[in-house]
Amino acid sequence: MTQTQANYTPEKFQNAEQIWFWFLYSKSVRNDIGRQNGRNATRRICELVDVETMITKLYLCGKLNAEHLSVMKEYGDRRRAPHQYVWRENHAAAVWDSAMKIIDDAARAKGWLE
């Protein structure tokens, strides 16, 4: 073990949105990670599979529904949250906020948030 590995402290997330955007971005570049050899990568408190498992469990127990997942995917792909003051995004913003609250509660229970 090297000196830097001994002092390794994973970084926690600020909120549920940060978890969600990190998860989607990391999944999209997963194949490139081996080529980067971990350079410039922020080490996180959890792995991609941990977030995926948490989202799946929240869906299977009925806390997240299909509409939550649809809005999360749509705006996750856009890399931004829906805006409540944009008429076309008003409903999506309410659904997004509800989903992020559910994820925030679950992530906080796991100790992933500061």
PDB file of N, CA and C in Angstrom:
ATOM      1  N   MET A   1       0.850  -1.176   0.000  1.00  0.00           N
ATOM      2  CA  MET A   1       0.000   0.000   0.000  1.00  0.00           C
ATOM      3  C   MET A   1       0.895   1.237   0.000  1.00  0.00           C
ATOM      4  N   THR A   2       0.579   2.183  -0.853  1.00  0.00           N
ATOM      5  CA  THR A   2       1.363   3.411  -0.935  1.00  0.00           C
ATOM      6  C   THR A   2       0.875   4.424   0.095  1.00  0.00           C
ATOM      7  N   GLN A   3       1.657   5.457   0.276  1.00  0.00           N
ATOM      8  CA  GLN A   3       1.316   6.508   1.239  1.00  0.00           C
ATOM      9  C   GLN A   3      -0.020   7.159   0.881  1.00  0.00           C
ATOM     10  N   THR A   4      -0.273   7.419  -0.418  1.00  0.00           N
ATOM     11  CA  THR A   4      -1.519   8.080  -0.807  1.00  0.00           C
ATOM     12  C   THR A   4      -2.724   7.175  -0.582  1.00  0.00           C
ATOM     13  N   GLN A   5      -2.562   5.870  -0.757  1.00  0.00           N
ATOM     14  CA  GLN A   5      -3.668   4.948  -0.513  1.00  0.00           C
ATOM     15  C   GLN A   5      -4.004   4.876   0.967  1.00  0.00           C
ATOM     16  N   ALA A   6      -2.995   4.998   1.821  1.00  0.00           N
ATOM     17  CA  ALA A   6      -3.228   4.941   3.259  1.00  0.00           C
ATOM     18  C   ALA A   6      -4.033   6.140   3.744  1.00  0.00           C
ATOM     19  N   ASN A   7      -3.859   7.300   3.096  1.00  0.00           N
ATOM     20  CA  ASN A   7      -4.556   8.523   3.492  1.00  0.00           C
ATOM     21  C   ASN A   7      -5.819   8.767   2.681  1.00  0.00           C
ATOM     22  N   TYR A   8      -6.249   7.781   1.948  1.00  0.00           N
ATOM     23  CA  TYR A   8      -7.404   7.908   1.059  1.00  0.00           C
ATOM     24  C   TYR A   8      -8.693   8.088   1.851  1.00  0.00           C
ATOM     25  N   THR A   9      -9.405   9.186   1.576  1.00  0.00           N
ATOM     26  CA  THR A   9     -10.718   9.432   2.160  1.00  0.00           C
ATOM     27  C   THR A   9     -11.676   9.730   1.018  1.00  0.00           C
ATOM     28  N   PRO A  10     -12.677   8.873   0.818  1.00  0.00           N
ATOM     29  CA  PRO A  10     -13.616   9.121  -0.283  1.00  0.00           C
ATOM     30  C   PRO A  10     -14.448  10.369  -0.031  1.00  0.00           C
ATOM     31  N   GLU A  11     -14.804  11.030  -1.105  1.00  0.00           N
ATOM     32  CA  GLU A  11     -15.585  12.264  -1.011  1.00  0.00           C
ATOM     33  C   GLU A  11     -17.076  11.942  -0.990  1.00  0.00           C
ATOM     34  N   LYS A  12     -17.785  12.561  -0.062  1.00  0.00           N
ATOM     35  CA  LYS A  12     -19.240  12.401   0.008  1.00  0.00           C
ATOM     36  C   LYS A  12     -19.905  13.369  -0.965  1.00  0.00           C
ATOM     37  N   PHE A  13     -21.171  13.136  -1.222  1.00  0.00           N
ATOM     38  CA  PHE A  13     -21.948  13.984  -2.111  1.00  0.00           C
ATOM     39  C   PHE A  13     -22.591  15.118  -1.334  1.00  0.00           C
ATOM     40  N   GLN A  14     -22.933  16.197  -2.033  1.00  0.00           N
ATOM     41  CA  GLN A  14     -23.606  17.334  -1.420  1.00  0.00           C
ATOM     42  C   GLN A  14     -25.114  17.115  -1.328  1.00  0.00           C
ATOM     43  N   ASN A  15     -25.694  16.455  -2.353  1.00  0.00           N
ATOM     44  CA  ASN A  15     -27.143  16.258  -2.386  1.00  0.00           C
ATOM     45  C   ASN A  15     -27.497  15.141  -3.365  1.00  0.00           C
ATOM     46  N   ALA A  16     -28.781  14.833  -3.459  1.00  0.00           N
ATOM     47  CA  ALA A  16     -29.251  13.750  -4.326  1.00  0.00           C
ATOM     48  C   ALA A  16     -29.010  14.056  -5.802  1.00  0.00           C
ATOM     49  N   GLU A  17     -29.143  15.307  -6.202  1.00  0.00           N
ATOM     50  CA  GLU A  17     -28.894  15.661  -7.601  1.00  0.00           C
ATOM     51  C   GLU A  17     -27.454  15.355  -7.990  1.00  0.00           C
ATOM     52  N   GLN A  18     -26.526  15.648  -7.098  1.00  0.00           N
ATOM     53  CA  GLN A  18     -25.128  15.367  -7.392  1.00  0.00           C
ATOM     54  C   GLN A  18     -24.908  13.862  -7.546  1.00  0.00           C
ATOM     55  N   ILE A  19     -25.556  13.065  -6.710  1.00  0.00           N
ATOM     56  CA  ILE A  19     -25.460  11.605  -6.843  1.00  0.00           C
ATOM     57  C   ILE A  19     -25.983  11.176  -8.201  1.00  0.00           C
ATOM     58  N   TRP A  20     -27.163  11.673  -8.569  1.00  0.00           N
ATOM     59  CA  TRP A  20     -27.791  11.251  -9.818  1.00  0.00           C
ATOM     60  C   TRP A  20     -26.952  11.649 -11.027  1.00  0.00           C
ATOM     61  N   PHE A  21     -26.481  12.872 -11.096  1.00  0.00           N
ATOM     62  CA  PHE A  21     -25.690  13.308 -12.247  1.00  0.00           C
ATOM     63  C   PHE A  21     -24.334  12.588 -12.288  1.00  0.00           C
ATOM     64  N   TRP A  22     -23.730  12.349 -11.126  1.00  0.00           N
ATOM     65  CA  TRP A  22     -22.477  11.593 -11.072  1.00  0.00           C
ATOM     66  C   TRP A  22     -22.709  10.182 -11.592  1.00  0.00           C
ATOM     67  N   PHE A  23     -23.792   9.554 -11.168  1.00  0.00           N
ATOM     68  CA  PHE A  23     -24.117   8.201 -11.586  1.00  0.00           C
ATOM     69  C   PHE A  23     -24.281   8.113 -13.100  1.00  0.00           C
ATOM     70  N   LEU A  24     -25.081   9.009 -13.674  1.00  0.00           N
ATOM     71  CA  LEU A  24     -25.300   8.963 -15.126  1.00  0.00           C
ATOM     72  C   LEU A  24     -24.020   9.244 -15.894  1.00  0.00           C
ATOM     73  N   TYR A  25     -23.269  10.236 -15.462  1.00  0.00           N
ATOM     74  CA  TYR A  25     -22.018  10.567 -16.149  1.00  0.00           C
ATOM     75  C   TYR A  25     -21.026   9.405 -16.046  1.00  0.00           C
ATOM     76  N   SER A  26     -20.892   8.836 -14.873  1.00  0.00           N
ATOM     77  CA  SER A  26     -19.942   7.749 -14.664  1.00  0.00           C
ATOM     78  C   SER A  26     -20.319   6.514 -15.471  1.00  0.00           C
ATOM     79  N   LYS A  27     -21.618   6.239 -15.566  1.00  0.00           N
ATOM     80  CA  LYS A  27     -22.056   5.111 -16.394  1.00  0.00           C
ATOM     81  C   LYS A  27     -21.730   5.344 -17.863  1.00  0.00           C
ATOM     82  N   SER A  28     -21.836   6.611 -18.308  1.00  0.00           N
ATOM     83  CA  SER A  28     -21.592   6.896 -19.718  1.00  0.00           C
ATOM     84  C   SER A  28     -20.110   6.787 -20.091  1.00  0.00           C
ATOM     85  N   VAL A  29     -19.228   6.964 -19.119  1.00  0.00           N
ATOM     86  CA  VAL A  29     -17.792   6.894 -19.414  1.00  0.00           C
ATOM     87  C   VAL A  29     -17.127   5.684 -18.770  1.00  0.00           C
ATOM     88  N   ARG A  30     -17.911   4.753 -18.300  1.00  0.00           N
ATOM     89  CA  ARG A  30     -17.366   3.591 -17.602  1.00  0.00           C
ATOM     90  C   ARG A  30     -16.280   2.885 -18.410  1.00  0.00           C
ATOM     91  N   ASN A  31     -16.457   2.752 -19.698  1.00  0.00           N
ATOM     92  CA  ASN A  31     -15.486   2.052 -20.520  1.00  0.00           C
ATOM     93  C   ASN A  31     -14.186   2.832 -20.679  1.00  0.00           C
ATOM     94  N   ASP A  32     -14.230   4.133 -20.485  1.00  0.00           N
ATOM     95  CA  ASP A  32     -13.026   4.953 -20.612  1.00  0.00           C
ATOM     96  C   ASP A  32     -12.186   4.981 -19.344  1.00  0.00           C
ATOM     97  N   ILE A  33     -12.722   4.528 -18.229  1.00  0.00           N
ATOM     98  CA  ILE A  33     -12.015   4.622 -16.954  1.00  0.00           C
ATOM     99  C   ILE A  33     -10.710   3.839 -16.989  1.00  0.00           C
ATOM    100  N   GLY A  34     -10.718   2.675 -17.595  1.00  0.00           N
ATOM    101  CA  GLY A  34      -9.500   1.874 -17.681  1.00  0.00           C
ATOM    102  C   GLY A  34      -8.405   2.576 -18.447  1.00  0.00           C
ATOM    103  N   ARG A  35      -8.780   3.331 -19.464  1.00  0.00           N
ATOM    104  CA  ARG A  35      -7.785   4.058 -20.255  1.00  0.00           C
ATOM    105  C   ARG A  35      -7.237   5.252 -19.503  1.00  0.00           C
ATOM    106  N   GLN A  36      -8.022   5.801 -18.578  1.00  0.00           N
ATOM    107  CA  GLN A  36      -7.568   6.973 -17.832  1.00  0.00           C
ATOM    108  C   GLN A  36      -6.684   6.587 -16.654  1.00  0.00           C
ATOM    109  N   ASN A  37      -6.709   5.324 -16.253  1.00  0.00           N
ATOM    110  CA  ASN A  37      -5.948   4.851 -15.097  1.00  0.00           C
ATOM    111  C   ASN A  37      -6.267   5.632 -13.831  1.00  0.00           C
ATOM    112  N   GLY A  38      -7.487   6.119 -13.696  1.00  0.00           N
ATOM    113  CA  GLY A  38      -7.905   6.798 -12.479  1.00  0.00           C
ATOM    114  C   GLY A  38      -7.420   8.227 -12.348  1.00  0.00           C
ATOM    115  N   ARG A  39      -6.770   8.757 -13.369  1.00  0.00           N
ATOM    116  CA  ARG A  39      -6.291  10.134 -13.276  1.00  0.00           C
ATOM    117  C   ARG A  39      -7.467  11.094 -13.262  1.00  0.00           C
ATOM    118  N   ASN A  40      -7.340  12.136 -12.479  1.00  0.00           N
ATOM    119  CA  ASN A  40      -8.344  13.197 -12.388  1.00  0.00           C
ATOM    120  C   ASN A  40      -9.719  12.687 -11.966  1.00  0.00           C
ATOM    121  N   ALA A  41      -9.783  11.521 -11.383  1.00  0.00           N
ATOM    122  CA  ALA A  41     -11.063  10.976 -10.953  1.00  0.00           C
ATOM    123  C   ALA A  41     -11.241  11.255  -9.462  1.00  0.00           C
ATOM    124  N   THR A  42     -12.411  11.745  -9.101  1.00  0.00           N
ATOM    125  CA  THR A  42     -12.729  11.954  -7.694  1.00  0.00           C
ATOM    126  C   THR A  42     -13.223  10.637  -7.129  1.00  0.00           C
ATOM    127  N   ARG A  43     -12.630  10.195  -6.072  1.00  0.00           N
ATOM    128  CA  ARG A  43     -13.069   8.955  -5.433  1.00  0.00           C
ATOM    129  C   ARG A  43     -14.308   9.265  -4.602  1.00  0.00           C
ATOM    130  N   ARG A  44     -15.328   8.458  -4.789  1.00  0.00           N
ATOM    131  CA  ARG A  44     -16.593   8.676  -4.091  1.00  0.00           C
ATOM    132  C   ARG A  44     -16.800   7.645  -3.002  1.00  0.00           C
ATOM    133  N   ILE A  45     -17.721   7.929  -2.134  1.00  0.00           N
ATOM    134  CA  ILE A  45     -18.020   7.099  -0.972  1.00  0.00           C
ATOM    135  C   ILE A  45     -18.710   5.792  -1.375  1.00  0.00           C
ATOM    136  N   CYS A  46     -19.248   5.735  -2.582  1.00  0.00           N
ATOM    137  CA  CYS A  46     -19.945   4.543  -3.047  1.00  0.00           C
ATOM    138  C   CYS A  46     -19.526   4.230  -4.475  1.00  0.00           C
ATOM    139  N   GLU A  47     -19.938   3.081  -4.945  1.00  0.00           N
ATOM    140  CA  GLU A  47     -19.663   2.655  -6.316  1.00  0.00           C
ATOM    141  C   GLU A  47     -20.933   2.837  -7.157  1.00  0.00           C
ATOM    142  N   LEU A  48     -20.754   2.783  -8.462  1.00  0.00           N
ATOM    143  CA  LEU A  48     -21.904   2.886  -9.373  1.00  0.00           C
ATOM    144  C   LEU A  48     -22.968   1.851  -9.053  1.00  0.00           C
ATOM    145  N   VAL A  49     -22.542   0.638  -8.801  1.00  0.00           N
ATOM    146  CA  VAL A  49     -23.497  -0.436  -8.522  1.00  0.00           C
ATOM    147  C   VAL A  49     -24.286  -0.155  -7.250  1.00  0.00           C
ATOM    148  N   ASP A  50     -23.690   0.545  -6.292  1.00  0.00           N
ATOM    149  CA  ASP A  50     -24.403   0.891  -5.061  1.00  0.00           C
ATOM    150  C   ASP A  50     -25.566   1.842  -5.349  1.00  0.00           C
ATOM    151  N   VAL A  51     -25.315   2.827  -6.203  1.00  0.00           N
ATOM    152  CA  VAL A  51     -26.369   3.788  -6.558  1.00  0.00           C
ATOM    153  C   VAL A  51     -27.452   3.076  -7.368  1.00  0.00           C
ATOM    154  N   GLU A  52     -27.032   2.252  -8.313  1.00  0.00           N
ATOM    155  CA  GLU A  52     -27.989   1.511  -9.128  1.00  0.00           C
ATOM    156  C   GLU A  52     -28.864   0.603  -8.262  1.00  0.00           C
ATOM    157  N   THR A  53     -28.263  -0.054  -7.292  1.00  0.00           N
ATOM    158  CA  THR A  53     -28.999  -0.926  -6.381  1.00  0.00           C
ATOM    159  C   THR A  53     -29.982  -0.120  -5.531  1.00  0.00           C
ATOM    160  N   MET A  54     -29.541   1.031  -5.038  1.00  0.00           N
ATOM    161  CA  MET A  54     -30.420   1.865  -4.224  1.00  0.00           C
ATOM    162  C   MET A  54     -31.634   2.323  -5.034  1.00  0.00           C
ATOM    163  N   ILE A  55     -31.402   2.802  -6.269  1.00  0.00           N
ATOM    164  CA  ILE A  55     -32.505   3.263  -7.125  1.00  0.00           C
ATOM    165  C   ILE A  55     -33.463   2.103  -7.412  1.00  0.00           C
ATOM    166  N   THR A  56     -32.913   0.935  -7.716  1.00  0.00           N
ATOM    167  CA  THR A  56     -33.738  -0.240  -8.006  1.00  0.00           C
ATOM    168  C   THR A  56     -34.590  -0.624  -6.800  1.00  0.00           C
ATOM    169  N   LYS A  57     -33.997  -0.627  -5.617  1.00  0.00           N
ATOM    170  CA  LYS A  57     -34.750  -0.972  -4.403  1.00  0.00           C
ATOM    171  C   LYS A  57     -35.845   0.052  -4.125  1.00  0.00           C
ATOM    172  N   LEU A  58     -35.536   1.327  -4.338  1.00  0.00           N
ATOM    173  CA  LEU A  58     -36.551   2.370  -4.127  1.00  0.00           C
ATOM    174  C   LEU A  58     -37.716   2.195  -5.101  1.00  0.00           C
ATOM    175  N   TYR A  59     -37.414   1.777  -6.321  1.00  0.00           N
ATOM    176  CA  TYR A  59     -38.469   1.530  -7.314  1.00  0.00           C
ATOM    177  C   TYR A  59     -39.283   0.284  -6.941  1.00  0.00           C
ATOM    178  N   LEU A  60     -38.588  -0.785  -6.597  1.00  0.00           N
ATOM    179  CA  LEU A  60     -39.286  -2.039  -6.296  1.00  0.00           C
ATOM    180  C   LEU A  60     -40.153  -1.960  -5.045  1.00  0.00           C
ATOM    181  N   CYS A  61     -39.770  -1.123  -4.096  1.00  0.00           N
ATOM    182  CA  CYS A  61     -40.600  -0.995  -2.884  1.00  0.00           C
ATOM    183  C   CYS A  61     -41.672   0.083  -3.055  1.00  0.00           C
ATOM    184  N   GLY A  62     -41.726   0.719  -4.225  1.00  0.00           N
ATOM    185  CA  GLY A  62     -42.797   1.658  -4.523  1.00  0.00           C
ATOM    186  C   GLY A  62     -42.537   3.101  -4.124  1.00  0.00           C
ATOM    187  N   LYS A  63     -41.365   3.408  -3.636  1.00  0.00           N
ATOM    188  CA  LYS A  63     -41.072   4.794  -3.269  1.00  0.00           C
ATOM    189  C   LYS A  63     -40.830   5.652  -4.505  1.00  0.00           C
ATOM    190  N   LEU A  64     -40.112   5.103  -5.488  1.00  0.00           N
ATOM    191  CA  LEU A  64     -39.963   5.754  -6.797  1.00  0.00           C
ATOM    192  C   LEU A  64     -40.896   5.052  -7.767  1.00  0.00           C
ATOM    193  N   ASN A  65     -41.516   5.824  -8.664  1.00  0.00           N
ATOM    194  CA  ASN A  65     -42.402   5.214  -9.652  1.00  0.00           C
ATOM    195  C   ASN A  65     -41.847   5.446 -11.060  1.00  0.00           C
ATOM    196  N   ALA A  66     -42.560   4.936 -12.061  1.00  0.00           N
ATOM    197  CA  ALA A  66     -42.106   5.042 -13.445  1.00  0.00           C
ATOM    198  C   ALA A  66     -41.979   6.499 -13.897  1.00  0.00           C
ATOM    199  N   GLU A  67     -42.883   7.357 -13.420  1.00  0.00           N
ATOM    200  CA  GLU A  67     -42.807   8.770 -13.787  1.00  0.00           C
ATOM    201  C   GLU A  67     -41.548   9.411 -13.197  1.00  0.00           C
ATOM    202  N   HIS A  68     -41.222   9.084 -11.950  1.00  0.00           N
ATOM    203  CA  HIS A  68     -39.978   9.579 -11.350  1.00  0.00           C
ATOM    204  C   HIS A  68     -38.783   9.197 -12.222  1.00  0.00           C
ATOM    205  N   LEU A  69     -38.707   7.902 -12.558  1.00  0.00           N
ATOM    206  CA  LEU A  69     -37.560   7.411 -13.322  1.00  0.00           C
ATOM    207  C   LEU A  69     -37.495   8.039 -14.706  1.00  0.00           C
ATOM    208  N   SER A  70     -38.651   8.234 -15.323  1.00  0.00           N
ATOM    209  CA  SER A  70     -38.691   8.850 -16.648  1.00  0.00           C
ATOM    210  C   SER A  70     -38.161  10.283 -16.614  1.00  0.00           C
ATOM    211  N   VAL A  71     -38.616  11.063 -15.655  1.00  0.00           N
ATOM    212  CA  VAL A  71     -38.159  12.454 -15.524  1.00  0.00           C
ATOM    213  C   VAL A  71     -36.682  12.488 -15.155  1.00  0.00           C
ATOM    214  N   MET A  72     -36.266  11.615 -14.249  1.00  0.00           N
ATOM    215  CA  MET A  72     -34.857  11.567 -13.862  1.00  0.00           C
ATOM    216  C   MET A  72     -33.963  11.243 -15.063  1.00  0.00           C
ATOM    217  N   LYS A  73     -34.386  10.317 -15.887  1.00  0.00           N
ATOM    218  CA  LYS A  73     -33.611   9.938 -17.071  1.00  0.00           C
ATOM    219  C   LYS A  73     -33.591  11.070 -18.092  1.00  0.00           C
ATOM    220  N   GLU A  74     -34.766  11.634 -18.383  1.00  0.00           N
ATOM    221  CA  GLU A  74     -34.858  12.688 -19.392  1.00  0.00           C
ATOM    222  C   GLU A  74     -33.973  13.883 -19.036  1.00  0.00           C
ATOM    223  N   TYR A  75     -34.098  14.362 -17.807  1.00  0.00           N
ATOM    224  CA  TYR A  75     -33.330  15.541 -17.420  1.00  0.00           C
ATOM    225  C   TYR A  75     -31.894  15.191 -17.036  1.00  0.00           C
ATOM    226  N   GLY A  76     -31.678  13.956 -16.643  1.00  0.00           N
ATOM    227  CA  GLY A  76     -30.306  13.503 -16.427  1.00  0.00           C
ATOM    228  C   GLY A  76     -29.525  13.510 -17.729  1.00  0.00           C
ATOM    229  N   ASP A  77     -30.177  13.084 -18.812  1.00  0.00           N
ATOM    230  CA  ASP A  77     -29.534  13.118 -20.130  1.00  0.00           C
ATOM    231  C   ASP A  77     -29.253  14.549 -20.576  1.00  0.00           C
ATOM    232  N   ARG A  78     -30.101  15.468 -20.145  1.00  0.00           N
ATOM    233  CA  ARG A  78     -29.883  16.887 -20.467  1.00  0.00           C
ATOM    234  C   ARG A  78     -28.834  17.518 -19.545  1.00  0.00           C
ATOM    235  N   ARG A  79     -28.485  16.788 -18.497  1.00  0.00           N
ATOM    236  CA  ARG A  79     -27.505  17.236 -17.491  1.00  0.00           C
ATOM    237  C   ARG A  79     -27.927  18.500 -16.761  1.00  0.00           C
ATOM    238  N   ARG A  80     -29.209  18.545 -16.484  1.00  0.00           N
ATOM    239  CA  ARG A  80     -29.751  19.656 -15.700  1.00  0.00           C
ATOM    240  C   ARG A  80     -31.097  19.237 -15.131  1.00  0.00           C
ATOM    241  N   ALA A  81     -31.479  19.896 -14.067  1.00  0.00           N
ATOM    242  CA  ALA A  81     -32.785  19.638 -13.462  1.00  0.00           C
ATOM    243  C   ALA A  81     -33.845  20.447 -14.197  1.00  0.00           C
ATOM    244  N   PRO A  82     -35.083  19.970 -14.224  1.00  0.00           N
ATOM    245  CA  PRO A  82     -36.152  20.785 -14.812  1.00  0.00           C
ATOM    246  C   PRO A  82     -36.382  22.033 -13.975  1.00  0.00           C
ATOM    247  N   HIS A  83     -36.803  23.082 -14.631  1.00  0.00           N
ATOM    248  CA  HIS A  83     -36.984  24.367 -13.950  1.00  0.00           C
ATOM    249  C   HIS A  83     -38.465  24.600 -13.678  1.00  0.00           C
ATOM    250  N   GLN A  84     -38.790  24.904 -12.441  1.00  0.00           N
ATOM    251  CA  GLN A  84     -40.192  25.061 -12.054  1.00  0.00           C
ATOM    252  C   GLN A  84     -40.854  26.276 -12.684  1.00  0.00           C
ATOM    253  N   TYR A  85     -40.083  27.259 -13.119  1.00  0.00           N
ATOM    254  CA  TYR A  85     -40.668  28.478 -13.685  1.00  0.00           C
ATOM    255  C   TYR A  85     -40.782  28.445 -15.210  1.00  0.00           C
ATOM    256  N   VAL A  86     -40.345  27.349 -15.820  1.00  0.00           N
ATOM    257  CA  VAL A  86     -40.554  27.153 -17.256  1.00  0.00           C
ATOM    258  C   VAL A  86     -41.845  26.358 -17.383  1.00  0.00           C
ATOM    259  N   TRP A  87     -42.825  26.922 -18.073  1.00  0.00           N
ATOM    260  CA  TRP A  87     -44.164  26.337 -18.118  1.00  0.00           C
ATOM    261  C   TRP A  87     -44.142  24.867 -18.519  1.00  0.00           C
ATOM    262  N   ARG A  88     -43.411  24.524 -19.562  1.00  0.00           N
ATOM    263  CA  ARG A  88     -43.376  23.138 -20.046  1.00  0.00           C
ATOM    264  C   ARG A  88     -42.682  22.187 -19.076  1.00  0.00           C
ATOM    265  N   GLU A  89     -41.888  22.725 -18.169  1.00  0.00           N
ATOM    266  CA  GLU A  89     -41.123  21.892 -17.245  1.00  0.00           C
ATOM    267  C   GLU A  89     -41.686  21.907 -15.823  1.00  0.00           C
ATOM    268  N   ASN A  90     -42.767  22.631 -15.623  1.00  0.00           N
ATOM    269  CA  ASN A  90     -43.311  22.812 -14.283  1.00  0.00           C
ATOM    270  C   ASN A  90     -43.665  21.486 -13.620  1.00  0.00           C
ATOM    271  N   HIS A  91     -44.414  20.637 -14.302  1.00  0.00           N
ATOM    272  CA  HIS A  91     -44.800  19.341 -13.728  1.00  0.00           C
ATOM    273  C   HIS A  91     -43.569  18.464 -13.522  1.00  0.00           C
ATOM    274  N   ALA A  92     -42.674  18.444 -14.499  1.00  0.00           N
ATOM    275  CA  ALA A  92     -41.451  17.644 -14.383  1.00  0.00           C
ATOM    276  C   ALA A  92     -40.621  18.094 -13.188  1.00  0.00           C
ATOM    277  N   ALA A  93     -40.611  19.403 -12.912  1.00  0.00           N
ATOM    278  CA  ALA A  93     -39.854  19.926 -11.767  1.00  0.00           C
ATOM    279  C   ALA A  93     -40.427  19.389 -10.455  1.00  0.00           C
ATOM    280  N   ALA A  94     -41.742  19.306 -10.361  1.00  0.00           N
ATOM    281  CA  ALA A  94     -42.371  18.770  -9.151  1.00  0.00           C
ATOM    282  C   ALA A  94     -42.043  17.281  -8.987  1.00  0.00           C
ATOM    283  N   VAL A  95     -42.086  16.541 -10.079  1.00  0.00           N
ATOM    284  CA  VAL A  95     -41.757  15.110 -10.041  1.00  0.00           C
ATOM    285  C   VAL A  95     -40.281  14.938  -9.671  1.00  0.00           C
ATOM    286  N   TRP A  96     -39.415  15.751 -10.284  1.00  0.00           N
ATOM    287  CA  TRP A  96     -37.972  15.723 -10.011  1.00  0.00           C
ATOM    288  C   TRP A  96     -37.712  15.978  -8.518  1.00  0.00           C
ATOM    289  N   ASP A  97     -38.331  17.020  -7.984  1.00  0.00           N
ATOM    290  CA  ASP A  97     -38.133  17.359  -6.571  1.00  0.00           C
ATOM    291  C   ASP A  97     -38.563  16.209  -5.660  1.00  0.00           C
ATOM    292  N   SER A  98     -39.668  15.586  -5.996  1.00  0.00           N
ATOM    293  CA  SER A  98     -40.152  14.448  -5.217  1.00  0.00           C
ATOM    294  C   SER A  98     -39.151  13.290  -5.262  1.00  0.00           C
ATOM    295  N   ALA A  99     -38.647  12.983  -6.449  1.00  0.00           N
ATOM    296  CA  ALA A  99     -37.680  11.895  -6.608  1.00  0.00           C
ATOM    297  C   ALA A  99     -36.379  12.209  -5.871  1.00  0.00           C
ATOM    298  N   MET A 100     -35.914  13.444  -5.969  1.00  0.00           N
ATOM    299  CA  MET A 100     -34.658  13.817  -5.311  1.00  0.00           C
ATOM    300  C   MET A 100     -34.792  13.763  -3.788  1.00  0.00           C
ATOM    301  N   LYS A 101     -35.974  14.075  -3.267  1.00  0.00           N
ATOM    302  CA  LYS A 101     -36.218  13.979  -1.825  1.00  0.00           C
ATOM    303  C   LYS A 101     -36.138  12.523  -1.375  1.00  0.00           C
ATOM    304  N   ILE A 102     -36.706  11.637  -2.152  1.00  0.00           N
ATOM    305  CA  ILE A 102     -36.678  10.209  -1.833  1.00  0.00           C
ATOM    306  C   ILE A 102     -35.242   9.691  -1.872  1.00  0.00           C
ATOM    307  N   ILE A 103     -34.503  10.053  -2.908  1.00  0.00           N
ATOM    308  CA  ILE A 103     -33.110   9.620  -3.038  1.00  0.00           C
ATOM    309  C   ILE A 103     -32.256  10.242  -1.938  1.00  0.00           C
ATOM    310  N   ASP A 104     -32.498  11.514  -1.637  1.00  0.00           N
ATOM    311  CA  ASP A 104     -31.755  12.200  -0.575  1.00  0.00           C
ATOM    312  C   ASP A 104     -31.918  11.471   0.755  1.00  0.00           C
ATOM    313  N   ASP A 105     -33.149  11.111   1.089  1.00  0.00           N
ATOM    314  CA  ASP A 105     -33.410  10.404   2.350  1.00  0.00           C
ATOM    315  C   ASP A 105     -32.674   9.061   2.390  1.00  0.00           C
ATOM    316  N   ALA A 106     -32.731   8.317   1.287  1.00  0.00           N
ATOM    317  CA  ALA A 106     -32.074   7.005   1.233  1.00  0.00           C
ATOM    318  C   ALA A 106     -30.557   7.148   1.286  1.00  0.00           C
ATOM    319  N   ALA A 107     -30.002   8.118   0.569  1.00  0.00           N
ATOM    320  CA  ALA A 107     -28.553   8.327   0.554  1.00  0.00           C
ATOM    321  C   ALA A 107     -28.058   8.823   1.910  1.00  0.00           C
ATOM    322  N   ARG A 108     -28.836   9.660   2.552  1.00  0.00           N
ATOM    323  CA  ARG A 108     -28.469  10.167   3.883  1.00  0.00           C
ATOM    324  C   ARG A 108     -28.420   9.003   4.891  1.00  0.00           C
ATOM    325  N   ALA A 109     -29.372   8.080   4.777  1.00  0.00           N
ATOM    326  CA  ALA A 109     -29.393   6.919   5.668  1.00  0.00           C
ATOM    327  C   ALA A 109     -28.160   6.038   5.452  1.00  0.00           C
ATOM    328  N   LYS A 110     -27.637   6.029   4.233  1.00  0.00           N
ATOM    329  CA  LYS A 110     -26.450   5.240   3.922  1.00  0.00           C
ATOM    330  C   LYS A 110     -25.150   5.968   4.267  1.00  0.00           C
ATOM    331  N   GLY A 111     -25.254   7.258   4.590  1.00  0.00           N
ATOM    332  CA  GLY A 111     -24.061   8.020   4.934  1.00  0.00           C
ATOM    333  C   GLY A 111     -23.321   8.571   3.734  1.00  0.00           C
ATOM    334  N   TRP A 112     -23.990   8.694   2.601  1.00  0.00           N
ATOM    335  CA  TRP A 112     -23.349   9.180   1.375  1.00  0.00           C
ATOM    336  C   TRP A 112     -23.355  10.685   1.250  1.00  0.00           C
ATOM    337  N   LEU A 113     -24.142  11.368   2.077  1.00  0.00           N
ATOM    338  CA  LEU A 113     -24.244  12.829   1.978  1.00  0.00           C
ATOM    339  C   LEU A 113     -23.543  13.489   3.153  1.00  0.00           C
ATOM    340  N   GLU A 114     -23.021  14.675   2.884  1.00  0.00           N
ATOM    341  CA  GLU A 114     -22.371  15.433   3.946  1.00  0.00           C
ATOM    342  C   GLU A 114     -23.406  16.059   4.860  1.00  0.00           C
TER     343      GLU A 114
END
